[in-house]
Amino acid sequence: MVAHAQTPSPDAADPLPADDAELFDLDLRGLRRRWSGRAGLAPISAETMTGTEHRARVLGVPEERLMEHAGTAVAAAVKALAIDLDRWGDGPIVVLAGPGNNGGDGYVAARRLALAGARVVVAVVASGQRPRHPAAARNWDRIASDSGITIVRTPVARDVAMLALGLDKAAVIVDALLGTGVRGALRDPIRSAVEAIGRAAGSGVPVVAVDTPTAIDLSSGEPSRPAVRADLTVTFHRPKTGLLTRQGAAYAGRVLVAPIGIPGEADRG
């Protein structure tokens, strides 16, 4: 049983990603030091994190602001990893974005990476023209007219297969397909996208996962099939129990825990 008695200090004590002017100048070691206070906190389950985010919104923290910090943290980690591996500018950063808020985090990351000078391709792995979740939809609107970002729609497996033909040319792949709530085997087009990520990773393309590798349960670490195996996972607010299990850690790779602006009061209860 995971103890939840430890209440973290408010994120106000940490530099928040979207407000951190030095963030994109840091390497991975620097990011780990920057967010070391987060990594040392007690781990929580996906269910507890959902409740924490809900209480943060009740306390007046907009969901879109949480998403901005999350996506900015991912973007900084992607740039740092690409530079560490001498891949920055070597090809596009390809963001595979699913239909929910995990995809919304990916849209923020894409925008921030483009601002940092990267060539960015966003593959929308969803059937809808626009995300249903309001915060994700607003961030979609912000990149939809951005001439610096190439957008590819892949609503069915056949479209994902076409995208996959060039995925091994990516500098880094960002897995923003699915966060929590995966139950059972994946369905297309998400399944085909996960398989495409796996093939590209097998050819040497590094993968950064947003919050959790797709199809890895953040509470238990149990994988669905197939599942993304990441080189680096950027999770948010506190460590997650599922990423600390043997299976979860094997899929997550290195893990960074980034602050996203959740006040300490939201962790109570």
Protein backbone atom coordinates (compact mmCIF):
# COMPACT_ATOMS: atom_id res chain seq x y z
CA MET A 1 0.00 0.00 0.00
CA VAL A 2 1.36 3.41 -0.96
CA ALA A 3 1.35 5.99 1.80
CA HIS A 4 -0.38 9.23 0.85
CA ALA A 5 0.19 11.08 4.12
CA GLN A 6 3.08 13.13 2.78
CA THR A 7 1.84 16.41 1.36
CA PRO A 8 4.24 18.05 -1.07
CA SER A 9 5.23 21.64 -0.77
CA PRO A 10 3.31 23.90 -3.16
CA ASP A 11 4.64 24.04 -6.70
CA ALA A 12 5.09 27.77 -6.14
CA ALA A 13 8.35 26.79 -4.41
CA ASP A 14 9.56 25.17 -7.64
CA PRO A 15 10.32 26.96 -10.92
CA LEU A 16 7.27 26.22 -13.06
CA PRO A 17 8.16 25.17 -16.60
CA ALA A 18 6.17 27.72 -18.61
CA ASP A 19 7.55 30.55 -16.45
CA ASP A 20 11.16 29.32 -16.35
CA ALA A 21 13.26 31.49 -18.67
CA GLU A 22 16.29 29.19 -18.38
CA LEU A 23 14.51 25.88 -18.91
CA PHE A 24 15.45 25.32 -22.56
CA ASP A 25 19.11 25.97 -21.82
CA LEU A 26 19.33 23.00 -19.42
CA ASP A 27 20.57 19.52 -20.24
CA LEU A 28 18.91 16.42 -18.79
CA ARG A 29 21.06 16.56 -15.68
CA GLY A 30 20.13 20.19 -15.21
CA LEU A 31 16.42 19.41 -15.59
CA ARG A 32 16.71 16.63 -13.03
CA ARG A 33 18.36 19.05 -10.59
CA ARG A 34 15.79 21.73 -11.38
CA TRP A 35 12.92 19.40 -10.51
CA SER A 36 14.65 17.34 -7.81
CA GLY A 37 12.10 18.41 -5.20
CA ARG A 38 9.36 16.70 -7.20
CA ALA A 39 11.23 13.43 -7.66
CA GLY A 40 11.74 13.04 -3.91
CA LEU A 41 8.04 13.16 -3.02
CA ALA A 42 5.90 10.17 -2.16
CA PRO A 43 4.57 8.39 -5.27
CA ILE A 44 0.87 8.41 -6.08
CA SER A 45 -1.48 6.34 -8.21
CA ALA A 46 -3.27 7.50 -11.34
CA GLU A 47 -6.54 7.70 -9.39
CA THR A 48 -4.99 9.91 -6.72
CA MET A 49 -3.49 12.16 -9.38
CA THR A 50 -6.90 12.55 -11.03
CA GLY A 51 -8.36 13.66 -7.70
CA THR A 52 -5.45 16.03 -7.14
CA GLU A 53 -5.97 17.70 -10.52
CA HIS A 54 -9.69 18.02 -9.83
CA ARG A 55 -9.04 19.73 -6.49
CA ALA A 56 -6.54 22.05 -8.16
CA ARG A 57 -9.23 23.16 -10.61
CA VAL A 58 -11.69 23.67 -7.74
CA LEU A 59 -9.05 25.86 -6.07
CA GLY A 60 -8.97 28.01 -9.20
CA VAL A 61 -6.04 26.60 -11.20
CA PRO A 62 -7.17 26.43 -14.85
CA GLU A 63 -6.72 23.07 -16.56
CA GLU A 64 -5.18 24.87 -19.53
CA ARG A 65 -2.48 26.29 -17.26
CA LEU A 66 -1.61 22.82 -15.94
CA MET A 67 -1.39 21.63 -19.54
CA GLU A 68 0.87 24.52 -20.51
CA HIS A 69 3.36 23.65 -17.77
CA ALA A 70 3.19 19.93 -18.62
CA GLY A 71 3.76 20.39 -22.34
CA THR A 72 6.55 22.91 -21.76
CA ALA A 73 8.31 20.44 -19.45
CA VAL A 74 8.07 17.75 -22.12
CA ALA A 75 9.43 20.10 -24.79
CA ALA A 76 12.43 21.04 -22.64
CA ALA A 77 13.17 17.37 -21.97
CA VAL A 78 12.88 16.50 -25.67
CA LYS A 79 15.32 19.25 -26.63
CA ALA A 80 17.76 18.23 -23.87
CA LEU A 81 17.64 14.57 -24.93
CA ALA A 82 18.08 15.44 -28.60
CA ILE A 83 21.12 17.60 -27.83
CA ASP A 84 22.60 14.95 -25.53
CA LEU A 85 22.30 12.40 -28.35
CA ASP A 86 23.53 14.85 -31.01
CA ARG A 87 20.18 14.61 -32.80
CA TRP A 88 18.91 18.19 -32.38
CA GLY A 89 18.31 19.55 -35.87
CA ASP A 90 19.06 16.17 -37.43
CA GLY A 91 15.44 15.52 -38.38
CA PRO A 92 11.96 16.54 -37.28
CA ILE A 93 10.57 16.07 -33.82
CA VAL A 94 7.48 13.92 -34.43
CA VAL A 95 4.67 14.22 -31.89
CA LEU A 96 2.03 11.49 -32.02
CA ALA A 97 -1.01 12.98 -30.31
CA GLY A 98 -4.08 11.05 -29.23
CA PRO A 99 -7.65 12.28 -28.76
CA GLY A 100 -7.49 13.32 -25.07
CA ASN A 101 -5.56 15.57 -22.74
CA ASN A 102 -2.36 13.58 -23.25
CA GLY A 103 -2.58 14.74 -26.84
CA GLY A 104 -3.20 18.27 -25.56
CA ASP A 105 0.09 18.12 -23.65
CA GLY A 106 1.67 17.02 -26.93
CA TYR A 107 0.25 20.05 -28.75
CA VAL A 108 1.81 22.36 -26.16
CA ALA A 109 5.12 20.50 -26.47
CA ALA A 110 4.98 20.87 -30.26
CA ARG A 111 4.39 24.62 -30.04
CA ARG A 112 7.18 25.11 -27.51
CA LEU A 113 9.61 23.01 -29.55
CA ALA A 114 8.83 25.00 -32.69
CA LEU A 115 9.50 28.20 -30.76
CA ALA A 116 12.83 26.69 -29.68
CA GLY A 117 13.80 26.24 -33.32
CA ALA A 118 12.88 22.61 -33.97
CA ARG A 119 11.22 21.27 -37.10
CA VAL A 120 8.03 19.71 -35.73
CA VAL A 121 5.53 17.27 -37.19
CA VAL A 122 2.33 16.56 -35.28
CA ALA A 123 0.49 13.37 -36.21
CA VAL A 124 -3.08 13.51 -34.94
CA VAL A 125 -3.99 9.90 -34.18
CA ALA A 126 -7.74 10.41 -33.72
CA SER A 127 -10.89 10.37 -35.78
CA GLY A 128 -12.29 13.73 -34.67
CA GLN A 129 -11.44 17.00 -36.39
CA ARG A 130 -10.89 18.70 -33.04
CA PRO A 131 -10.33 17.33 -29.49
CA ARG A 132 -13.43 17.04 -27.31
CA HIS A 133 -11.64 18.12 -24.13
CA PRO A 134 -11.74 21.95 -23.88
CA ALA A 135 -8.12 22.50 -22.80
CA ALA A 136 -6.78 20.15 -25.48
CA ALA A 137 -9.05 21.78 -28.07
CA ARG A 138 -7.72 25.24 -27.25
CA ASN A 139 -4.15 24.04 -27.61
CA TRP A 140 -5.04 22.35 -30.89
CA ASP A 141 -6.38 25.70 -32.13
CA ARG A 142 -3.04 27.31 -31.25
CA ILE A 143 -1.03 24.95 -33.45
CA ALA A 144 -3.58 24.43 -36.24
CA SER A 145 -2.61 27.72 -37.90
CA ASP A 146 1.09 27.60 -36.96
CA SER A 147 3.07 27.61 -40.19
CA GLY A 148 6.11 26.27 -38.34
CA ILE A 149 4.38 22.99 -37.49
CA THR A 150 3.46 20.32 -40.04
CA ILE A 151 0.20 18.58 -39.16
CA VAL A 152 -0.62 15.11 -40.43
CA ARG A 153 -3.98 13.47 -39.78
CA THR A 154 -3.94 9.71 -39.24
CA PRO A 155 -7.50 8.70 -38.29
CA VAL A 156 -7.21 5.10 -39.51
CA ALA A 157 -4.52 2.40 -39.49
CA ARG A 158 -3.79 2.90 -43.21
CA ASP A 159 -2.83 6.52 -42.59
CA VAL A 160 -0.61 5.52 -39.66
CA ALA A 161 1.12 3.02 -41.95
CA MET A 162 1.96 5.83 -44.39
CA LEU A 163 3.33 7.98 -41.55
CA ALA A 164 5.40 5.06 -40.28
CA LEU A 165 7.32 4.86 -43.56
CA GLY A 166 9.26 7.98 -42.60
CA LEU A 167 9.21 7.72 -38.83
CA ASP A 168 12.76 6.36 -38.67
CA LYS A 169 13.95 9.78 -39.96
CA ALA A 170 12.71 11.55 -36.83
CA ALA A 171 15.20 13.10 -34.41
CA VAL A 172 12.92 12.22 -31.48
CA ILE A 173 9.42 10.75 -31.24
CA VAL A 174 7.06 12.12 -28.61
CA ASP A 175 4.43 9.64 -27.38
CA ALA A 176 1.40 11.75 -26.49
CA LEU A 177 -1.15 9.11 -27.50
CA LEU A 178 -2.81 7.98 -24.27
CA GLY A 179 -2.33 8.74 -20.59
CA THR A 180 -4.29 6.93 -17.91
CA GLY A 181 -7.42 4.87 -18.37
CA VAL A 182 -6.16 2.21 -20.77
CA ARG A 183 -7.96 -1.07 -20.26
CA GLY A 184 -7.41 -4.16 -22.36
CA ALA A 185 -5.92 -4.42 -25.83
CA LEU A 186 -5.43 -1.23 -27.82
CA ARG A 187 -7.60 -0.51 -30.83
CA ASP A 188 -6.67 1.15 -34.10
CA PRO A 189 -5.47 3.68 -34.97
CA ILE A 190 -3.72 3.90 -31.56
CA ARG A 191 -2.56 0.28 -31.80
CA SER A 192 -0.93 0.87 -35.19
CA ALA A 193 0.70 4.06 -33.89
CA VAL A 194 2.20 2.22 -30.92
CA GLU A 195 3.54 -0.48 -33.24
CA ALA A 196 5.01 2.19 -35.53
CA ILE A 197 6.76 3.83 -32.57
CA GLY A 198 8.19 0.45 -31.64
CA ARG A 199 9.62 -0.11 -35.11
CA ALA A 200 11.17 3.37 -35.22
CA ALA A 201 12.65 2.88 -31.75
CA GLY A 202 14.12 -0.40 -32.96
CA SER A 203 15.95 1.55 -35.68
CA GLY A 204 17.47 3.88 -33.10
CA VAL A 205 15.00 6.76 -32.79
CA PRO A 206 14.67 7.87 -29.14
CA VAL A 207 11.17 8.07 -27.64
CA VAL A 208 9.93 10.51 -24.99
CA ALA A 209 6.63 9.61 -23.31
CA VAL A 210 4.20 12.18 -21.93
CA ASP A 211 3.21 11.27 -18.34
CA THR A 212 3.37 7.52 -19.05
CA PRO A 213 4.30 5.38 -22.04
CA THR A 214 1.08 4.57 -23.88
CA ALA A 215 -0.59 1.43 -22.51
CA ILE A 216 1.36 1.39 -19.23
CA ASP A 217 -0.93 1.68 -16.22
CA LEU A 218 0.30 4.55 -14.04
CA SER A 219 -0.98 2.85 -10.89
CA SER A 220 0.21 -0.73 -11.36
CA GLY A 221 2.83 -0.55 -14.10
CA GLU A 222 1.02 -3.32 -15.97
CA PRO A 223 1.28 -3.04 -19.77
CA SER A 224 -1.51 -3.57 -22.24
CA ARG A 225 -0.54 -4.97 -25.62
CA PRO A 226 1.16 -3.47 -27.45
CA ALA A 227 2.80 -0.78 -25.30
CA VAL A 228 5.30 1.99 -25.94
CA ARG A 229 8.80 1.47 -24.59
CA ALA A 230 10.28 4.92 -23.94
CA ASP A 231 13.82 6.14 -23.44
CA LEU A 232 12.58 8.98 -21.25
CA THR A 233 9.24 9.63 -19.54
CA VAL A 234 8.21 13.04 -18.24
CA THR A 235 5.56 12.57 -15.58
CA PHE A 236 3.94 15.35 -13.59
CA HIS A 237 3.62 16.68 -10.05
CA ARG A 238 4.72 13.57 -8.15
CA PRO A 239 6.28 10.19 -9.00
CA LYS A 240 3.74 7.58 -10.09
CA THR A 241 3.52 4.17 -8.48
CA GLY A 242 3.25 2.35 -11.80
CA LEU A 243 6.49 3.78 -13.12
CA LEU A 244 8.35 2.51 -10.05
CA THR A 245 7.39 -1.14 -10.50
CA ARG A 246 9.78 -3.46 -12.32
CA GLN A 247 7.59 -3.63 -15.41
CA GLY A 248 6.67 0.04 -15.41
CA ALA A 249 10.29 1.14 -15.03
CA ALA A 250 11.35 -1.12 -17.91
CA TYR A 251 8.91 0.65 -20.24
CA ALA A 252 9.40 4.18 -18.88
CA GLY A 253 13.18 4.41 -19.22
CA ARG A 254 14.59 7.39 -17.39
CA VAL A 255 11.93 9.39 -15.56
CA LEU A 256 11.71 13.11 -14.87
CA VAL A 257 9.03 14.46 -12.51
CA ALA A 258 8.06 18.00 -13.48
CA PRO A 259 6.03 20.52 -11.48
CA ILE A 260 2.88 21.78 -13.22
CA GLY A 261 1.50 24.31 -10.76
CA ILE A 262 -0.70 22.16 -8.49
CA PRO A 263 -0.94 23.82 -5.06
CA GLY A 264 -0.12 21.82 -1.95
CA GLU A 265 -3.73 22.16 -0.73
CA ALA A 266 -4.88 20.05 -3.68
CA ASP A 267 -2.93 17.06 -2.37
CA ARG A 268 -4.93 16.85 0.81
CA GLY A 269 -7.78 14.44 1.36
